[in-house]
Amino acid sequence: MGEGTFGQVLECWDRERKEMVAIKIIRGIKKYRDAAMIEIGMLEQLGKYEKSRSSCVQIRNWFDYRNHICIVSTSLDYGNYELTKRDNPMKLKHW
């Protein structure tokens, strides 16, 4: 699905839920792993309040595979960053 500084995102079939999911595979570098753990915490917190909103990526699970943090989430056509750019919430004004 995509590749970036932190790693890559794959679209996969979840055999248990019978749906497509996105798996974000984070590079096995300490600073990226640390950032991934912060992202997991934020996604889990958002998930508590965003169950009814289908426009946000929802974390399904996460795991550590050979020193790579892997984040399993709902599969959308766009990521959280693209969603923020598209919706443009609270545009900042400079005085």
PDB file of N, CA and C in Angstrom:
ATOM      1  N   MET A   1       0.822  -1.196   0.000  1.00  0.00           N
ATOM      2  CA  MET A   1       0.000   0.000   0.000  1.00  0.00           C
ATOM      3  C   MET A   1       0.860   1.251   0.000  1.00  0.00           C
ATOM      4  N   GLY A   2       2.010   1.171   0.683  1.00  0.00           N
ATOM      5  CA  GLY A   2       2.867   2.342   0.725  1.00  0.00           C
ATOM      6  C   GLY A   2       4.140   2.091   1.503  1.00  0.00           C
ATOM      7  N   GLU A   3       5.076   3.018   1.332  1.00  0.00           N
ATOM      8  CA  GLU A   3       6.359   2.908   2.013  1.00  0.00           C
ATOM      9  C   GLU A   3       6.800   4.307   2.407  1.00  0.00           C
ATOM     10  N   GLY A   4       7.447   4.397   3.566  1.00  0.00           N
ATOM     11  CA  GLY A   4       7.908   5.691   4.039  1.00  0.00           C
ATOM     12  C   GLY A   4       9.128   5.553   4.911  1.00  0.00           C
ATOM     13  N   THR A   5       9.452   6.616   5.622  1.00  0.00           N
ATOM     14  CA  THR A   5      10.633   6.658   6.473  1.00  0.00           C
ATOM     15  C   THR A   5      10.581   5.604   7.566  1.00  0.00           C
ATOM     16  N   PHE A   6       9.411   5.437   8.194  1.00  0.00           N
ATOM     17  CA  PHE A   6       9.276   4.532   9.332  1.00  0.00           C
ATOM     18  C   PHE A   6       9.210   3.069   8.917  1.00  0.00           C
ATOM     19  N   GLY A   7       8.754   2.794   7.711  1.00  0.00           N
ATOM     20  CA  GLY A   7       8.596   1.406   7.275  1.00  0.00           C
ATOM     21  C   GLY A   7       7.663   1.332   6.089  1.00  0.00           C
ATOM     22  N   GLN A   8       6.842   0.275   6.068  1.00  0.00           N
ATOM     23  CA  GLN A   8       5.905   0.118   4.966  1.00  0.00           C
ATOM     24  C   GLN A   8       4.563  -0.390   5.466  1.00  0.00           C
ATOM     25  N   VAL A   9       3.548  -0.219   4.619  1.00  0.00           N
ATOM     26  CA  VAL A   9       2.200  -0.662   4.956  1.00  0.00           C
ATOM     27  C   VAL A   9       1.756  -1.674   3.908  1.00  0.00           C
ATOM     28  N   LEU A  10       1.278  -2.818   4.393  1.00  0.00           N
ATOM     29  CA  LEU A  10       0.787  -3.877   3.520  1.00  0.00           C
ATOM     30  C   LEU A  10      -0.710  -4.044   3.727  1.00  0.00           C
ATOM     31  N   GLU A  11      -1.425  -4.368   2.658  1.00  0.00           N
ATOM     32  CA  GLU A  11      -2.837  -4.704   2.789  1.00  0.00           C
ATOM     33  C   GLU A  11      -2.935  -6.221   2.827  1.00  0.00           C
ATOM     34  N   CYS A  12      -3.597  -6.756   3.850  1.00  0.00           N
ATOM     35  CA  CYS A  12      -3.643  -8.203   4.073  1.00  0.00           C
ATOM     36  C   CYS A  12      -5.064  -8.652   4.385  1.00  0.00           C
ATOM     37  N   TRP A  13      -5.310  -9.935   4.191  1.00  0.00           N
ATOM     38  CA  TRP A  13      -6.605 -10.529   4.498  1.00  0.00           C
ATOM     39  C   TRP A  13      -6.566 -11.116   5.903  1.00  0.00           C
ATOM     40  N   ASP A  14      -7.479 -10.658   6.770  1.00  0.00           N
ATOM     41  CA  ASP A  14      -7.612 -11.189   8.127  1.00  0.00           C
ATOM     42  C   ASP A  14      -8.561 -12.381   8.048  1.00  0.00           C
ATOM     43  N   ARG A  15      -8.019 -13.581   8.238  1.00  0.00           N
ATOM     44  CA  ARG A  15      -8.830 -14.793   8.092  1.00  0.00           C
ATOM     45  C   ARG A  15      -9.855 -14.950   9.207  1.00  0.00           C
ATOM     46  N   GLU A  16      -9.556 -14.438  10.399  1.00  0.00           N
ATOM     47  CA  GLU A  16     -10.510 -14.551  11.507  1.00  0.00           C
ATOM     48  C   GLU A  16     -11.699 -13.610  11.329  1.00  0.00           C
ATOM     49  N   ARG A  17     -11.424 -12.355  11.000  1.00  0.00           N
ATOM     50  CA  ARG A  17     -12.499 -11.357  10.844  1.00  0.00           C
ATOM     51  C   ARG A  17     -13.095 -11.355   9.440  1.00  0.00           C
ATOM     52  N   LYS A  18     -12.407 -12.026   8.520  1.00  0.00           N
ATOM     53  CA  LYS A  18     -12.835 -12.082   7.118  1.00  0.00           C
ATOM     54  C   LYS A  18     -12.994 -10.678   6.524  1.00  0.00           C
ATOM     55  N   GLU A  19     -11.905  -9.901   6.635  1.00  0.00           N
ATOM     56  CA  GLU A  19     -11.892  -8.544   6.093  1.00  0.00           C
ATOM     57  C   GLU A  19     -10.450  -8.143   5.774  1.00  0.00           C
ATOM     58  N   MET A  20     -10.326  -7.129   4.937  1.00  0.00           N
ATOM     59  CA  MET A  20      -9.011  -6.598   4.623  1.00  0.00           C
ATOM     60  C   MET A  20      -8.548  -5.710   5.771  1.00  0.00           C
ATOM     61  N   VAL A  21      -7.260  -5.795   6.095  1.00  0.00           N
ATOM     62  CA  VAL A  21      -6.651  -4.950   7.120  1.00  0.00           C
ATOM     63  C   VAL A  21      -5.356  -4.380   6.561  1.00  0.00           C
ATOM     64  N   ALA A  22      -4.880  -3.342   7.205  1.00  0.00           N
ATOM     65  CA  ALA A  22      -3.578  -2.768   6.867  1.00  0.00           C
ATOM     66  C   ALA A  22      -2.611  -3.161   7.978  1.00  0.00           C
ATOM     67  N   ILE A  23      -1.418  -3.581   7.606  1.00  0.00           N
ATOM     68  CA  ILE A  23      -0.379  -3.872   8.590  1.00  0.00           C
ATOM     69  C   ILE A  23       0.782  -2.926   8.328  1.00  0.00           C
ATOM     70  N   LYS A  24       1.015  -2.050   9.284  1.00  0.00           N
ATOM     71  CA  LYS A  24       2.120  -1.093   9.211  1.00  0.00           C
ATOM     72  C   LYS A  24       3.321  -1.752   9.878  1.00  0.00           C
ATOM     73  N   ILE A  25       4.365  -1.982   9.119  1.00  0.00           N
ATOM     74  CA  ILE A  25       5.569  -2.643   9.619  1.00  0.00           C
ATOM     75  C   ILE A  25       6.637  -1.576   9.826  1.00  0.00           C
ATOM     76  N   ILE A  26       6.994  -1.373  11.091  1.00  0.00           N
ATOM     77  CA  ILE A  26       7.947  -0.328  11.458  1.00  0.00           C
ATOM     78  C   ILE A  26       9.360  -0.898  11.441  1.00  0.00           C
ATOM     79  N   ARG A  27      10.279  -0.133  10.893  1.00  0.00           N
ATOM     80  CA  ARG A  27      11.685  -0.551  10.860  1.00  0.00           C
ATOM     81  C   ARG A  27      12.181  -0.850  12.272  1.00  0.00           C
ATOM     82  N   GLY A  28      13.085  -1.807  12.390  1.00  0.00           N
ATOM     83  CA  GLY A  28      13.606  -2.237  13.686  1.00  0.00           C
ATOM     84  C   GLY A  28      14.690  -1.326  14.239  1.00  0.00           C
ATOM     85  N   ILE A  29      14.463  -0.036  14.192  1.00  0.00           N
ATOM     86  CA  ILE A  29      15.399   0.960  14.716  1.00  0.00           C
ATOM     87  C   ILE A  29      14.750   1.578  15.952  1.00  0.00           C
ATOM     88  N   LYS A  30      15.533   1.725  17.026  1.00  0.00           N
ATOM     89  CA  LYS A  30      14.981   2.128  18.319  1.00  0.00           C
ATOM     90  C   LYS A  30      14.089   3.363  18.243  1.00  0.00           C
ATOM     91  N   LYS A  31      14.529   4.429  17.590  1.00  0.00           N
ATOM     92  CA  LYS A  31      13.722   5.658  17.563  1.00  0.00           C
ATOM     93  C   LYS A  31      12.394   5.443  16.835  1.00  0.00           C
ATOM     94  N   TYR A  32      12.376   4.595  15.814  1.00  0.00           N
ATOM     95  CA  TYR A  32      11.137   4.302  15.100  1.00  0.00           C
ATOM     96  C   TYR A  32      10.237   3.394  15.931  1.00  0.00           C
ATOM     97  N   ARG A  33      10.852   2.429  16.639  1.00  0.00           N
ATOM     98  CA  ARG A  33      10.084   1.551  17.527  1.00  0.00           C
ATOM     99  C   ARG A  33       9.437   2.369  18.645  1.00  0.00           C
ATOM    100  N   ASP A  34      10.192   3.303  19.216  1.00  0.00           N
ATOM    101  CA  ASP A  34       9.657   4.161  20.279  1.00  0.00           C
ATOM    102  C   ASP A  34       8.480   4.989  19.761  1.00  0.00           C
ATOM    103  N   ALA A  35       8.637   5.556  18.568  1.00  0.00           N
ATOM    104  CA  ALA A  35       7.557   6.349  17.968  1.00  0.00           C
ATOM    105  C   ALA A  35       6.336   5.467  17.689  1.00  0.00           C
ATOM    106  N   ALA A  36       6.572   4.232  17.270  1.00  0.00           N
ATOM    107  CA  ALA A  36       5.467   3.303  16.996  1.00  0.00           C
ATOM    108  C   ALA A  36       4.688   2.991  18.267  1.00  0.00           C
ATOM    109  N   MET A  37       5.384   2.830  19.380  1.00  0.00           N
ATOM    110  CA  MET A  37       4.704   2.542  20.643  1.00  0.00           C
ATOM    111  C   MET A  37       3.853   3.735  21.088  1.00  0.00           C
ATOM    112  N   ILE A  38       4.331   4.945  20.824  1.00  0.00           N
ATOM    113  CA  ILE A  38       3.530   6.144  21.116  1.00  0.00           C
ATOM    114  C   ILE A  38       2.295   6.162  20.215  1.00  0.00           C
ATOM    115  N   GLU A  39       2.491   5.844  18.935  1.00  0.00           N
ATOM    116  CA  GLU A  39       1.367   5.798  17.991  1.00  0.00           C
ATOM    117  C   GLU A  39       0.334   4.762  18.429  1.00  0.00           C
ATOM    118  N   ILE A  40       0.790   3.601  18.868  1.00  0.00           N
ATOM    119  CA  ILE A  40      -0.122   2.554  19.340  1.00  0.00           C
ATOM    120  C   ILE A  40      -0.945   3.066  20.516  1.00  0.00           C
ATOM    121  N   GLY A  41      -0.286   3.713  21.462  1.00  0.00           N
ATOM    122  CA  GLY A  41      -0.997   4.264  22.616  1.00  0.00           C
ATOM    123  C   GLY A  41      -2.056   5.271  22.213  1.00  0.00           C
ATOM    124  N   MET A  42      -1.709   6.144  21.270  1.00  0.00           N
ATOM    125  CA  MET A  42      -2.668   7.157  20.807  1.00  0.00           C
ATOM    126  C   MET A  42      -3.836   6.508  20.074  1.00  0.00           C
ATOM    127  N   LEU A  43      -3.548   5.542  19.203  1.00  0.00           N
ATOM    128  CA  LEU A  43      -4.619   4.870  18.465  1.00  0.00           C
ATOM    129  C   LEU A  43      -5.544   4.104  19.401  1.00  0.00           C
ATOM    130  N   GLU A  44      -4.972   3.487  20.432  1.00  0.00           N
ATOM    131  CA  GLU A  44      -5.804   2.767  21.401  1.00  0.00           C
ATOM    132  C   GLU A  44      -6.695   3.734  22.174  1.00  0.00           C
ATOM    133  N   GLN A  45      -6.155   4.893  22.551  1.00  0.00           N
ATOM    134  CA  GLN A  45      -6.962   5.898  23.252  1.00  0.00           C
ATOM    135  C   GLN A  45      -8.068   6.435  22.344  1.00  0.00           C
ATOM    136  N   LEU A  46      -7.722   6.751  21.097  1.00  0.00           N
ATOM    137  CA  LEU A  46      -8.731   7.232  20.150  1.00  0.00           C
ATOM    138  C   LEU A  46      -9.810   6.187  19.926  1.00  0.00           C
ATOM    139  N   GLY A  47      -9.403   4.923  19.885  1.00  0.00           N
ATOM    140  CA  GLY A  47     -10.352   3.836  19.667  1.00  0.00           C
ATOM    141  C   GLY A  47     -11.426   3.759  20.725  1.00  0.00           C
ATOM    142  N   LYS A  48     -11.114   4.194  21.930  1.00  0.00           N
ATOM    143  CA  LYS A  48     -12.107   4.183  23.011  1.00  0.00           C
ATOM    144  C   LYS A  48     -13.237   5.169  22.741  1.00  0.00           C
ATOM    145  N   TYR A  49     -12.935   6.237  22.000  1.00  0.00           N
ATOM    146  CA  TYR A  49     -13.905   7.302  21.772  1.00  0.00           C
ATOM    147  C   TYR A  49     -14.422   7.352  20.341  1.00  0.00           C
ATOM    148  N   GLU A  50     -13.775   6.651  19.441  1.00  0.00           N
ATOM    149  CA  GLU A  50     -14.090   6.780  18.020  1.00  0.00           C
ATOM    150  C   GLU A  50     -14.722   5.528  17.425  1.00  0.00           C
ATOM    151  N   LYS A  51     -15.338   4.688  18.222  1.00  0.00           N
ATOM    152  CA  LYS A  51     -15.901   3.432  17.714  1.00  0.00           C
ATOM    153  C   LYS A  51     -16.898   3.657  16.582  1.00  0.00           C
ATOM    154  N   SER A  52     -17.668   4.717  16.661  1.00  0.00           N
ATOM    155  CA  SER A  52     -18.719   4.945  15.674  1.00  0.00           C
ATOM    156  C   SER A  52     -18.222   5.665  14.424  1.00  0.00           C
ATOM    157  N   ARG A  53     -17.018   6.205  14.461  1.00  0.00           N
ATOM    158  CA  ARG A  53     -16.501   6.966  13.315  1.00  0.00           C
ATOM    159  C   ARG A  53     -15.735   6.049  12.389  1.00  0.00           C
ATOM    160  N   SER A  54     -16.209   5.907  11.176  1.00  0.00           N
ATOM    161  CA  SER A  54     -15.555   5.010  10.229  1.00  0.00           C
ATOM    162  C   SER A  54     -14.457   5.704   9.435  1.00  0.00           C
ATOM    163  N   SER A  55     -14.320   7.026   9.557  1.00  0.00           N
ATOM    164  CA  SER A  55     -13.328   7.752   8.760  1.00  0.00           C
ATOM    165  C   SER A  55     -11.931   7.714   9.371  1.00  0.00           C
ATOM    166  N   CYS A  56     -11.799   7.244  10.612  1.00  0.00           N
ATOM    167  CA  CYS A  56     -10.493   7.177  11.265  1.00  0.00           C
ATOM    168  C   CYS A  56      -9.969   5.746  11.258  1.00  0.00           C
ATOM    169  N   VAL A  57      -8.680   5.621  11.114  1.00  0.00           N
ATOM    170  CA  VAL A  57      -8.052   4.304  11.202  1.00  0.00           C
ATOM    171  C   VAL A  57      -8.241   3.784  12.617  1.00  0.00           C
ATOM    172  N   GLN A  58      -8.709   2.545  12.736  1.00  0.00           N
ATOM    173  CA  GLN A  58      -8.911   1.935  14.046  1.00  0.00           C
ATOM    174  C   GLN A  58      -7.933   0.777  14.218  1.00  0.00           C
ATOM    175  N   ILE A  59      -7.183   0.802  15.318  1.00  0.00           N
ATOM    176  CA  ILE A  59      -6.210  -0.248  15.579  1.00  0.00           C
ATOM    177  C   ILE A  59      -6.942  -1.540  15.939  1.00  0.00           C
ATOM    178  N   ARG A  60      -6.512  -2.639  15.352  1.00  0.00           N
ATOM    179  CA  ARG A  60      -7.080  -3.955  15.652  1.00  0.00           C
ATOM    180  C   ARG A  60      -6.184  -4.710  16.629  1.00  0.00           C
ATOM    181  N   ASN A  61      -4.870  -4.578  16.427  1.00  0.00           N
ATOM    182  CA  ASN A  61      -3.901  -5.335  17.210  1.00  0.00           C
ATOM    183  C   ASN A  61      -2.511  -4.795  16.876  1.00  0.00           C
ATOM    184  N   TRP A  62      -1.521  -5.242  17.621  1.00  0.00           N
ATOM    185  CA  TRP A  62      -0.133  -4.953  17.274  1.00  0.00           C
ATOM    186  C   TRP A  62       0.724  -6.101  17.791  1.00  0.00           C
ATOM    187  N   PHE A  63       1.871  -6.289  17.167  1.00  0.00           N
ATOM    188  CA  PHE A  63       2.779  -7.347  17.596  1.00  0.00           C
ATOM    189  C   PHE A  63       4.203  -6.990  17.209  1.00  0.00           C
ATOM    190  N   ASP A  64       5.145  -7.668  17.825  1.00  0.00           N
ATOM    191  CA  ASP A  64       6.572  -7.483  17.558  1.00  0.00           C
ATOM    192  C   ASP A  64       7.047  -8.715  16.796  1.00  0.00           C
ATOM    193  N   TYR A  65       7.562  -8.513  15.593  1.00  0.00           N
ATOM    194  CA  TYR A  65       8.055  -9.620  14.781  1.00  0.00           C
ATOM    195  C   TYR A  65       9.492  -9.325  14.361  1.00  0.00           C
ATOM    196  N   ARG A  66      10.415 -10.088  14.903  1.00  0.00           N
ATOM    197  CA  ARG A  66      11.844  -9.936  14.582  1.00  0.00           C
ATOM    198  C   ARG A  66      12.315  -8.489  14.735  1.00  0.00           C
ATOM    199  N   ASN A  67      11.925  -7.880  15.839  1.00  0.00           N
ATOM    200  CA  ASN A  67      12.307  -6.510  16.196  1.00  0.00           C
ATOM    201  C   ASN A  67      11.581  -5.429  15.389  1.00  0.00           C
ATOM    202  N   HIS A  68      10.587  -5.813  14.610  1.00  0.00           N
ATOM    203  CA  HIS A  68       9.764  -4.855  13.869  1.00  0.00           C
ATOM    204  C   HIS A  68       8.414  -4.754  14.569  1.00  0.00           C
ATOM    205  N   ILE A  69       7.996  -3.543  14.924  1.00  0.00           N
ATOM    206  CA  ILE A  69       6.659  -3.345  15.468  1.00  0.00           C
ATOM    207  C   ILE A  69       5.689  -3.375  14.291  1.00  0.00           C
ATOM    208  N   CYS A  70       4.649  -4.186  14.399  1.00  0.00           N
ATOM    209  CA  CYS A  70       3.644  -4.322  13.347  1.00  0.00           C
ATOM    210  C   CYS A  70       2.293  -3.901  13.913  1.00  0.00           C
ATOM    211  N   ILE A  71       1.670  -2.928  13.286  1.00  0.00           N
ATOM    212  CA  ILE A  71       0.393  -2.392  13.747  1.00  0.00           C
ATOM    213  C   ILE A  71      -0.688  -2.817  12.758  1.00  0.00           C
ATOM    214  N   VAL A  72      -1.660  -3.580  13.250  1.00  0.00           N
ATOM    215  CA  VAL A  72      -2.774  -4.044  12.426  1.00  0.00           C
ATOM    216  C   VAL A  72      -3.936  -3.083  12.635  1.00  0.00           C
ATOM    217  N   SER A  73      -4.469  -2.562  11.540  1.00  0.00           N
ATOM    218  CA  SER A  73      -5.569  -1.597  11.645  1.00  0.00           C
ATOM    219  C   SER A  73      -6.560  -1.802  10.512  1.00  0.00           C
ATOM    220  N   THR A  74      -7.661  -1.081  10.598  1.00  0.00           N
ATOM    221  CA  THR A  74      -8.630  -1.102   9.514  1.00  0.00           C
ATOM    222  C   THR A  74      -7.932  -0.628   8.246  1.00  0.00           C
ATOM    223  N   SER A  75      -8.386  -1.115   7.133  1.00  0.00           N
ATOM    224  CA  SER A  75      -7.782  -0.743   5.858  1.00  0.00           C
ATOM    225  C   SER A  75      -8.626   0.337   5.198  1.00  0.00           C
ATOM    226  N   LEU A  76      -8.044   1.527   5.059  1.00  0.00           N
ATOM    227  CA  LEU A  76      -8.707   2.636   4.378  1.00  0.00           C
ATOM    228  C   LEU A  76      -7.910   2.980   3.129  1.00  0.00           C
ATOM    229  N   ASP A  77      -8.512   3.751   2.262  1.00  0.00           N
ATOM    230  CA  ASP A  77      -7.814   4.177   1.047  1.00  0.00           C
ATOM    231  C   ASP A  77      -6.808   5.279   1.322  1.00  0.00           C
ATOM    232  N   TYR A  78      -6.792   5.783   2.559  1.00  0.00           N
ATOM    233  CA  TYR A  78      -5.906   6.882   2.918  1.00  0.00           C
ATOM    234  C   TYR A  78      -5.530   6.730   4.377  1.00  0.00           C
ATOM    235  N   GLY A  79      -4.433   7.345   4.774  1.00  0.00           N
ATOM    236  CA  GLY A  79      -3.974   7.283   6.155  1.00  0.00           C
ATOM    237  C   GLY A  79      -4.471   8.458   6.974  1.00  0.00           C
ATOM    238  N   ASN A  80      -4.102   8.483   8.235  1.00  0.00           N
ATOM    239  CA  ASN A  80      -4.531   9.567   9.128  1.00  0.00           C
ATOM    240  C   ASN A  80      -4.016  10.922   8.658  1.00  0.00           C
ATOM    241  N   TYR A  81      -2.782  10.972   8.151  1.00  0.00           N
ATOM    242  CA  TYR A  81      -2.215  12.237   7.686  1.00  0.00           C
ATOM    243  C   TYR A  81      -3.015  12.775   6.501  1.00  0.00           C
ATOM    244  N   GLU A  82      -3.326  11.908   5.538  1.00  0.00           N
ATOM    245  CA  GLU A  82      -4.104  12.334   4.382  1.00  0.00           C
ATOM    246  C   GLU A  82      -5.507  12.757   4.797  1.00  0.00           C
ATOM    247  N   LEU A  83      -6.081  12.062   5.784  1.00  0.00           N
ATOM    248  CA  LEU A  83      -7.401  12.422   6.298  1.00  0.00           C
ATOM    249  C   LEU A  83      -7.378  13.821   6.900  1.00  0.00           C
ATOM    250  N   THR A  84      -6.347  14.122   7.665  1.00  0.00           N
ATOM    251  CA  THR A  84      -6.220  15.438   8.286  1.00  0.00           C
ATOM    252  C   THR A  84      -6.081  16.521   7.221  1.00  0.00           C
ATOM    253  N   LYS A  85      -5.276  16.261   6.201  1.00  0.00           N
ATOM    254  CA  LYS A  85      -5.117  17.238   5.125  1.00  0.00           C
ATOM    255  C   LYS A  85      -6.438  17.457   4.392  1.00  0.00           C
ATOM    256  N   ARG A  86      -7.162  16.385   4.146  1.00  0.00           N
ATOM    257  CA  ARG A  86      -8.415  16.475   3.403  1.00  0.00           C
ATOM    258  C   ARG A  86      -9.475  17.247   4.179  1.00  0.00           C
ATOM    259  N   ASP A  87      -9.644  16.917   5.446  1.00  0.00           N
ATOM    260  CA  ASP A  87     -10.681  17.543   6.261  1.00  0.00           C
ATOM    261  C   ASP A  87     -10.293  18.936   6.730  1.00  0.00           C
ATOM    262  N   ASN A  88      -8.995  19.226   6.805  1.00  0.00           N
ATOM    263  CA  ASN A  88      -8.467  20.524   7.196  1.00  0.00           C
ATOM    264  C   ASN A  88      -9.145  21.079   8.453  1.00  0.00           C
ATOM    265  N   PRO A  89      -9.130  20.316   9.558  1.00  0.00           N
ATOM    266  CA  PRO A  89      -9.792  20.811  10.763  1.00  0.00           C
ATOM    267  C   PRO A  89      -9.004  21.941  11.409  1.00  0.00           C
ATOM    268  N   MET A  90      -9.701  22.962  11.849  1.00  0.00           N
ATOM    269  CA  MET A  90      -9.117  24.067  12.614  1.00  0.00           C
ATOM    270  C   MET A  90      -7.876  24.664  11.957  1.00  0.00           C
ATOM    271  N   LYS A  91      -8.053  25.212  10.801  1.00  0.00           N
ATOM    272  CA  LYS A  91      -6.935  25.850  10.114  1.00  0.00           C
ATOM    273  C   LYS A  91      -6.395  26.987  10.982  1.00  0.00           C
ATOM    274  N   LEU A  92      -5.083  27.038  11.132  1.00  0.00           N
ATOM    275  CA  LEU A  92      -4.457  28.058  11.969  1.00  0.00           C
ATOM    276  C   LEU A  92      -4.431  29.405  11.253  1.00  0.00           C
ATOM    277  N   LYS A  93      -4.690  30.456  12.014  1.00  0.00           N
ATOM    278  CA  LYS A  93      -4.603  31.814  11.480  1.00  0.00           C
ATOM    279  C   LYS A  93      -3.391  32.487  12.102  1.00  0.00           C
ATOM    280  N   HIS A  94      -2.662  33.200  11.292  1.00  0.00           N
ATOM    281  CA  HIS A  94      -1.500  33.937  11.788  1.00  0.00           C
ATOM    282  C   HIS A  94      -1.882  35.403  11.949  1.00  0.00           C
ATOM    283  N   TRP A  95      -1.596  35.979  13.091  1.00  0.00           N
ATOM    284  CA  TRP A  95      -1.954  37.369  13.381  1.00  0.00           C
ATOM    285  C   TRP A  95      -0.846  38.293  13.030  1.00  0.00           C
TER     286      TRP A  95
END
